[in-house]
N, C-alpha and C. Protein backbone atom coordinates (compact mmCIF):
# COMPACT_ATOMS: atom_id res chain seq x y z
N UNK A 1 -12.25 6.46 -12.60
CA UNK A 1 -11.01 6.68 -11.88
C UNK A 1 -11.28 7.21 -10.46
N UNK A 2 -12.22 8.14 -10.35
CA UNK A 2 -12.53 8.71 -9.05
C UNK A 2 -13.08 7.65 -8.11
N UNK A 3 -13.94 6.75 -8.61
CA UNK A 3 -14.50 5.68 -7.78
C UNK A 3 -13.40 4.75 -7.28
N UNK A 4 -12.45 4.42 -8.14
CA UNK A 4 -11.34 3.54 -7.76
C UNK A 4 -10.51 4.19 -6.66
N UNK A 5 -10.24 5.47 -6.81
CA UNK A 5 -9.46 6.19 -5.82
C UNK A 5 -10.18 6.22 -4.48
N UNK A 6 -11.48 6.49 -4.51
CA UNK A 6 -12.27 6.54 -3.29
C UNK A 6 -12.31 5.17 -2.61
N UNK A 7 -12.39 4.11 -3.40
CA UNK A 7 -12.38 2.75 -2.84
C UNK A 7 -11.05 2.47 -2.15
N UNK A 8 -9.96 2.90 -2.74
CA UNK A 8 -8.63 2.72 -2.12
C UNK A 8 -8.52 3.49 -0.81
N UNK A 9 -9.01 4.70 -0.81
CA UNK A 9 -8.97 5.51 0.41
C UNK A 9 -9.80 4.85 1.50
N UNK A 10 -11.00 4.41 1.16
CA UNK A 10 -11.88 3.76 2.14
C UNK A 10 -11.23 2.49 2.69
N UNK A 11 -10.64 1.69 1.82
CA UNK A 11 -9.99 0.45 2.26
C UNK A 11 -8.81 0.76 3.17
N UNK A 12 -8.04 1.79 2.85
CA UNK A 12 -6.87 2.10 3.68
C UNK A 12 -7.28 2.61 5.06
N UNK A 13 -8.45 3.24 5.17
CA UNK A 13 -8.92 3.69 6.47
C UNK A 13 -9.41 2.53 7.33
N UNK A 14 -9.95 1.52 6.72
CA UNK A 14 -10.47 0.37 7.44
C UNK A 14 -9.37 -0.64 7.79
N UNK A 15 -8.36 -0.74 6.97
CA UNK A 15 -7.34 -1.77 7.12
C UNK A 15 -6.61 -1.74 8.46
N UNK A 16 -6.17 -0.62 8.99
CA UNK A 16 -5.45 -0.67 10.26
C UNK A 16 -6.24 -1.32 11.38
N UNK A 17 -7.52 -1.07 11.47
CA UNK A 17 -8.33 -1.69 12.52
C UNK A 17 -8.45 -3.18 12.34
N UNK A 18 -8.59 -3.62 11.11
CA UNK A 18 -8.70 -5.05 10.83
C UNK A 18 -7.39 -5.74 11.15
N UNK A 19 -6.29 -5.17 10.69
CA UNK A 19 -4.98 -5.78 10.93
C UNK A 19 -4.67 -5.78 12.41
N UNK A 20 -4.93 -4.69 13.09
CA UNK A 20 -4.62 -4.61 14.51
C UNK A 20 -5.45 -5.61 15.31
N UNK A 21 -6.73 -5.75 15.01
CA UNK A 21 -7.56 -6.71 15.73
C UNK A 21 -7.09 -8.12 15.47
N UNK A 22 -6.77 -8.45 14.22
CA UNK A 22 -6.25 -9.77 13.90
C UNK A 22 -4.93 -10.03 14.58
N UNK A 23 -4.08 -9.04 14.63
CA UNK A 23 -2.79 -9.19 15.26
C UNK A 23 -2.94 -9.42 16.75
N UNK A 24 -3.79 -8.65 17.39
CA UNK A 24 -3.99 -8.83 18.83
C UNK A 24 -4.57 -10.21 19.13
N UNK A 25 -5.50 -10.65 18.30
CA UNK A 25 -6.11 -11.96 18.51
C UNK A 25 -5.09 -13.09 18.34
N UNK A 26 -4.14 -12.91 17.45
CA UNK A 26 -3.12 -13.93 17.22
C UNK A 26 -1.96 -13.82 18.21
N UNK A 27 -1.59 -12.63 18.56
CA UNK A 27 -0.38 -12.43 19.35
C UNK A 27 -0.58 -12.63 20.84
N UNK A 28 -1.73 -12.28 21.36
CA UNK A 28 -1.94 -12.43 22.80
C UNK A 28 -1.80 -13.89 23.24
N UNK A 29 -2.36 -14.87 22.51
CA UNK A 29 -2.14 -16.26 22.90
C UNK A 29 -0.66 -16.68 22.79
N UNK A 30 0.04 -16.16 21.78
CA UNK A 30 1.46 -16.46 21.63
C UNK A 30 2.25 -15.88 22.80
N UNK A 31 1.88 -14.67 23.21
CA UNK A 31 2.54 -14.05 24.37
C UNK A 31 2.24 -14.83 25.64
N UNK A 32 1.00 -15.28 25.80
CA UNK A 32 0.63 -16.12 26.94
C UNK A 32 1.46 -17.40 26.97
N UNK A 33 1.53 -18.07 25.84
CA UNK A 33 2.24 -19.34 25.72
C UNK A 33 3.72 -19.20 26.08
N UNK A 34 4.32 -18.06 25.77
CA UNK A 34 5.74 -17.85 26.00
C UNK A 34 6.06 -17.11 27.29
N UNK A 35 5.06 -16.91 28.13
CA UNK A 35 5.28 -16.34 29.45
C UNK A 35 5.52 -14.84 29.49
N UNK A 36 5.19 -14.14 28.43
CA UNK A 36 5.44 -12.69 28.39
C UNK A 36 4.73 -11.95 29.52
N UNK A 37 3.50 -12.40 29.84
CA UNK A 37 2.71 -11.69 30.84
C UNK A 37 3.13 -12.00 32.27
N UNK A 38 4.09 -12.90 32.44
CA UNK A 38 4.64 -13.13 33.77
C UNK A 38 5.47 -11.92 34.21
N UNK A 39 6.02 -11.21 33.24
CA UNK A 39 6.89 -10.06 33.55
C UNK A 39 6.40 -8.73 33.01
N UNK A 40 5.51 -8.75 32.02
CA UNK A 40 5.06 -7.52 31.36
C UNK A 40 3.55 -7.40 31.41
N UNK A 41 3.06 -6.20 31.74
CA UNK A 41 1.65 -5.89 31.60
C UNK A 41 1.45 -5.18 30.27
N UNK A 42 0.22 -5.07 29.85
CA UNK A 42 -0.06 -4.34 28.62
C UNK A 42 0.24 -2.84 28.80
N UNK A 43 -0.24 -2.29 29.91
CA UNK A 43 -0.07 -0.86 30.16
C UNK A 43 0.87 -0.57 31.32
N UNK A 44 1.06 -1.53 32.20
CA UNK A 44 1.81 -1.26 33.43
C UNK A 44 3.03 -2.15 33.57
N UNK A 45 4.00 -1.65 34.29
CA UNK A 45 5.22 -2.39 34.59
C UNK A 45 4.91 -3.47 35.63
N UNK A 46 5.44 -4.64 35.41
CA UNK A 46 5.42 -5.70 36.41
C UNK A 46 6.88 -5.90 36.83
N UNK A 47 7.54 -6.90 36.30
CA UNK A 47 8.99 -7.06 36.49
C UNK A 47 9.71 -6.21 35.46
N UNK A 48 9.24 -6.31 34.22
CA UNK A 48 9.76 -5.51 33.12
C UNK A 48 8.74 -4.45 32.75
N UNK A 49 9.09 -3.62 31.79
CA UNK A 49 8.18 -2.51 31.41
C UNK A 49 6.90 -3.03 30.78
N UNK A 50 5.84 -2.22 30.91
CA UNK A 50 4.60 -2.52 30.22
C UNK A 50 4.81 -2.35 28.72
N UNK A 51 4.03 -3.08 27.94
CA UNK A 51 4.17 -3.00 26.49
C UNK A 51 3.94 -1.58 25.97
N UNK A 52 3.03 -0.85 26.59
CA UNK A 52 2.78 0.53 26.15
C UNK A 52 4.01 1.40 26.37
N UNK A 53 4.74 1.15 27.44
CA UNK A 53 5.97 1.91 27.70
C UNK A 53 7.05 1.58 26.67
N UNK A 54 7.14 0.31 26.31
CA UNK A 54 8.09 -0.10 25.27
C UNK A 54 7.72 0.57 23.95
N UNK A 55 6.44 0.53 23.60
CA UNK A 55 5.98 1.15 22.35
C UNK A 55 6.29 2.64 22.34
N UNK A 56 6.09 3.31 23.47
CA UNK A 56 6.35 4.75 23.53
C UNK A 56 7.84 5.04 23.36
N UNK A 57 8.69 4.23 23.97
CA UNK A 57 10.13 4.48 23.89
C UNK A 57 10.63 4.34 22.46
N UNK A 58 10.10 3.38 21.72
CA UNK A 58 10.61 3.09 20.38
C UNK A 58 9.74 3.66 19.26
N UNK A 59 8.79 4.50 19.61
CA UNK A 59 7.91 5.10 18.60
C UNK A 59 8.75 5.83 17.54
N UNK A 60 8.47 5.54 16.29
CA UNK A 60 9.18 6.20 15.20
C UNK A 60 10.50 5.54 14.82
N UNK A 61 10.91 4.51 15.54
CA UNK A 61 12.16 3.81 15.25
C UNK A 61 11.85 2.66 14.29
N UNK A 62 12.21 2.83 13.04
CA UNK A 62 11.86 1.84 12.02
C UNK A 62 12.61 0.52 12.17
N UNK A 63 13.66 0.49 12.96
CA UNK A 63 14.43 -0.74 13.15
C UNK A 63 14.13 -1.42 14.48
N UNK A 64 13.22 -0.86 15.25
CA UNK A 64 12.94 -1.38 16.59
C UNK A 64 12.40 -2.81 16.57
N UNK A 65 11.52 -3.14 15.66
CA UNK A 65 10.93 -4.49 15.64
C UNK A 65 12.00 -5.55 15.44
N UNK A 66 12.93 -5.29 14.58
CA UNK A 66 14.01 -6.25 14.34
C UNK A 66 14.87 -6.42 15.59
N UNK A 67 15.27 -5.30 16.20
CA UNK A 67 16.11 -5.36 17.41
C UNK A 67 15.37 -6.01 18.57
N UNK A 68 14.10 -5.65 18.76
CA UNK A 68 13.34 -6.22 19.87
C UNK A 68 13.04 -7.70 19.65
N UNK A 69 12.80 -8.10 18.41
CA UNK A 69 12.61 -9.51 18.12
C UNK A 69 13.84 -10.31 18.50
N UNK A 70 14.99 -9.76 18.19
CA UNK A 70 16.26 -10.42 18.55
C UNK A 70 16.42 -10.46 20.07
N UNK A 71 16.06 -9.38 20.73
CA UNK A 71 16.16 -9.33 22.19
C UNK A 71 15.21 -10.33 22.85
N UNK A 72 14.03 -10.50 22.29
CA UNK A 72 13.09 -11.48 22.82
C UNK A 72 13.72 -12.87 22.77
N UNK A 73 14.36 -13.19 21.65
CA UNK A 73 14.97 -14.51 21.49
C UNK A 73 16.24 -14.69 22.32
N UNK A 74 17.08 -13.65 22.39
CA UNK A 74 18.39 -13.77 23.04
C UNK A 74 18.43 -13.29 24.48
N UNK A 75 17.41 -12.56 24.90
CA UNK A 75 17.41 -11.98 26.24
C UNK A 75 18.18 -10.66 26.23
N UNK A 76 18.21 -10.02 27.37
CA UNK A 76 18.91 -8.74 27.46
C UNK A 76 18.97 -8.25 28.89
N UNK A 77 19.75 -7.21 29.10
CA UNK A 77 19.84 -6.62 30.43
C UNK A 77 20.30 -5.18 30.34
N UNK A 78 19.91 -4.41 31.34
CA UNK A 78 20.41 -3.06 31.49
C UNK A 78 19.62 -1.96 30.81
N UNK A 79 18.75 -2.29 29.87
CA UNK A 79 18.02 -1.25 29.15
C UNK A 79 16.89 -0.67 30.01
N UNK A 80 16.20 -1.55 30.78
CA UNK A 80 15.06 -1.13 31.57
C UNK A 80 15.32 -1.27 33.07
N UNK A 81 16.54 -1.50 33.45
CA UNK A 81 16.87 -1.66 34.86
C UNK A 81 17.74 -2.88 35.09
N UNK A 82 17.94 -3.23 36.35
CA UNK A 82 18.90 -4.29 36.67
C UNK A 82 18.41 -5.72 36.44
N UNK A 83 17.11 -5.93 36.30
CA UNK A 83 16.59 -7.29 36.15
C UNK A 83 16.72 -7.71 34.68
N UNK A 84 17.45 -8.78 34.39
CA UNK A 84 17.62 -9.20 33.00
C UNK A 84 16.36 -9.85 32.44
N UNK A 85 16.18 -9.72 31.14
CA UNK A 85 15.10 -10.42 30.46
C UNK A 85 15.67 -11.76 29.99
N UNK A 86 15.03 -12.85 30.37
CA UNK A 86 15.54 -14.16 29.95
C UNK A 86 15.36 -14.38 28.45
N UNK A 87 16.23 -15.20 27.91
CA UNK A 87 16.14 -15.56 26.49
C UNK A 87 14.94 -16.47 26.25
N UNK A 88 14.37 -16.34 25.08
CA UNK A 88 13.28 -17.21 24.63
C UNK A 88 13.71 -17.85 23.32
N UNK A 89 14.81 -18.60 23.37
CA UNK A 89 15.40 -19.21 22.19
C UNK A 89 14.53 -20.24 21.52
N UNK A 90 13.54 -20.76 22.23
CA UNK A 90 12.62 -21.73 21.63
C UNK A 90 11.61 -21.06 20.71
N UNK A 91 11.54 -19.75 20.73
CA UNK A 91 10.62 -18.98 19.90
C UNK A 91 11.31 -18.71 18.56
N UNK A 92 10.65 -19.04 17.47
CA UNK A 92 11.23 -18.80 16.15
C UNK A 92 11.41 -17.32 15.85
N UNK A 93 12.31 -17.03 14.93
CA UNK A 93 12.59 -15.63 14.58
C UNK A 93 11.35 -14.91 14.08
N UNK A 94 10.55 -15.57 13.26
CA UNK A 94 9.35 -14.92 12.71
C UNK A 94 8.35 -14.60 13.81
N UNK A 95 8.14 -15.54 14.74
CA UNK A 95 7.21 -15.27 15.84
C UNK A 95 7.74 -14.19 16.77
N UNK A 96 9.04 -14.19 17.02
CA UNK A 96 9.63 -13.15 17.87
C UNK A 96 9.45 -11.78 17.22
N UNK A 97 9.64 -11.70 15.94
CA UNK A 97 9.46 -10.44 15.21
C UNK A 97 8.01 -9.99 15.27
N UNK A 98 7.08 -10.94 15.08
CA UNK A 98 5.65 -10.61 15.15
C UNK A 98 5.27 -10.11 16.55
N UNK A 99 5.80 -10.77 17.59
CA UNK A 99 5.55 -10.29 18.95
C UNK A 99 6.09 -8.89 19.15
N UNK A 100 7.30 -8.64 18.64
CA UNK A 100 7.89 -7.30 18.77
C UNK A 100 7.03 -6.27 18.07
N UNK A 101 6.57 -6.57 16.87
CA UNK A 101 5.71 -5.64 16.13
C UNK A 101 4.41 -5.37 16.89
N UNK A 102 3.87 -6.43 17.49
CA UNK A 102 2.64 -6.28 18.27
C UNK A 102 2.88 -5.39 19.49
N UNK A 103 3.95 -5.66 20.22
CA UNK A 103 4.28 -4.84 21.40
C UNK A 103 4.43 -3.38 20.99
N UNK A 104 5.09 -3.13 19.87
CA UNK A 104 5.29 -1.76 19.41
C UNK A 104 4.01 -1.08 18.96
N UNK A 105 2.96 -1.86 18.71
CA UNK A 105 1.68 -1.29 18.30
C UNK A 105 0.77 -0.95 19.48
N UNK A 106 1.15 -1.37 20.68
CA UNK A 106 0.34 -1.13 21.88
C UNK A 106 0.40 0.36 22.22
N UNK A 107 -0.73 0.91 22.54
CA UNK A 107 -0.74 2.33 22.85
C UNK A 107 -1.45 2.67 24.10
């Protein structure tokens, strides 16, 4: 029993790094393809906020990924200033949600 518990603990410590690396490897090309980096930097503001700033604002908000995924698809205005974010309606809901989750993981 103790060995099984230790194996679970070890796996849970390693898993976040594996998932995060896989997510970054998958999401960065998707963000490139959809023009995200034309307006957003990873750490710094360009036209819109940097992803790290978005992650900091919504830290601890369990519903943020769903709302941000919807905003990615539908566009938005007024939250980060006067420049509106264009809609990305060609992006599927699942990919928009994955992008939102990735943005929220940036630190």
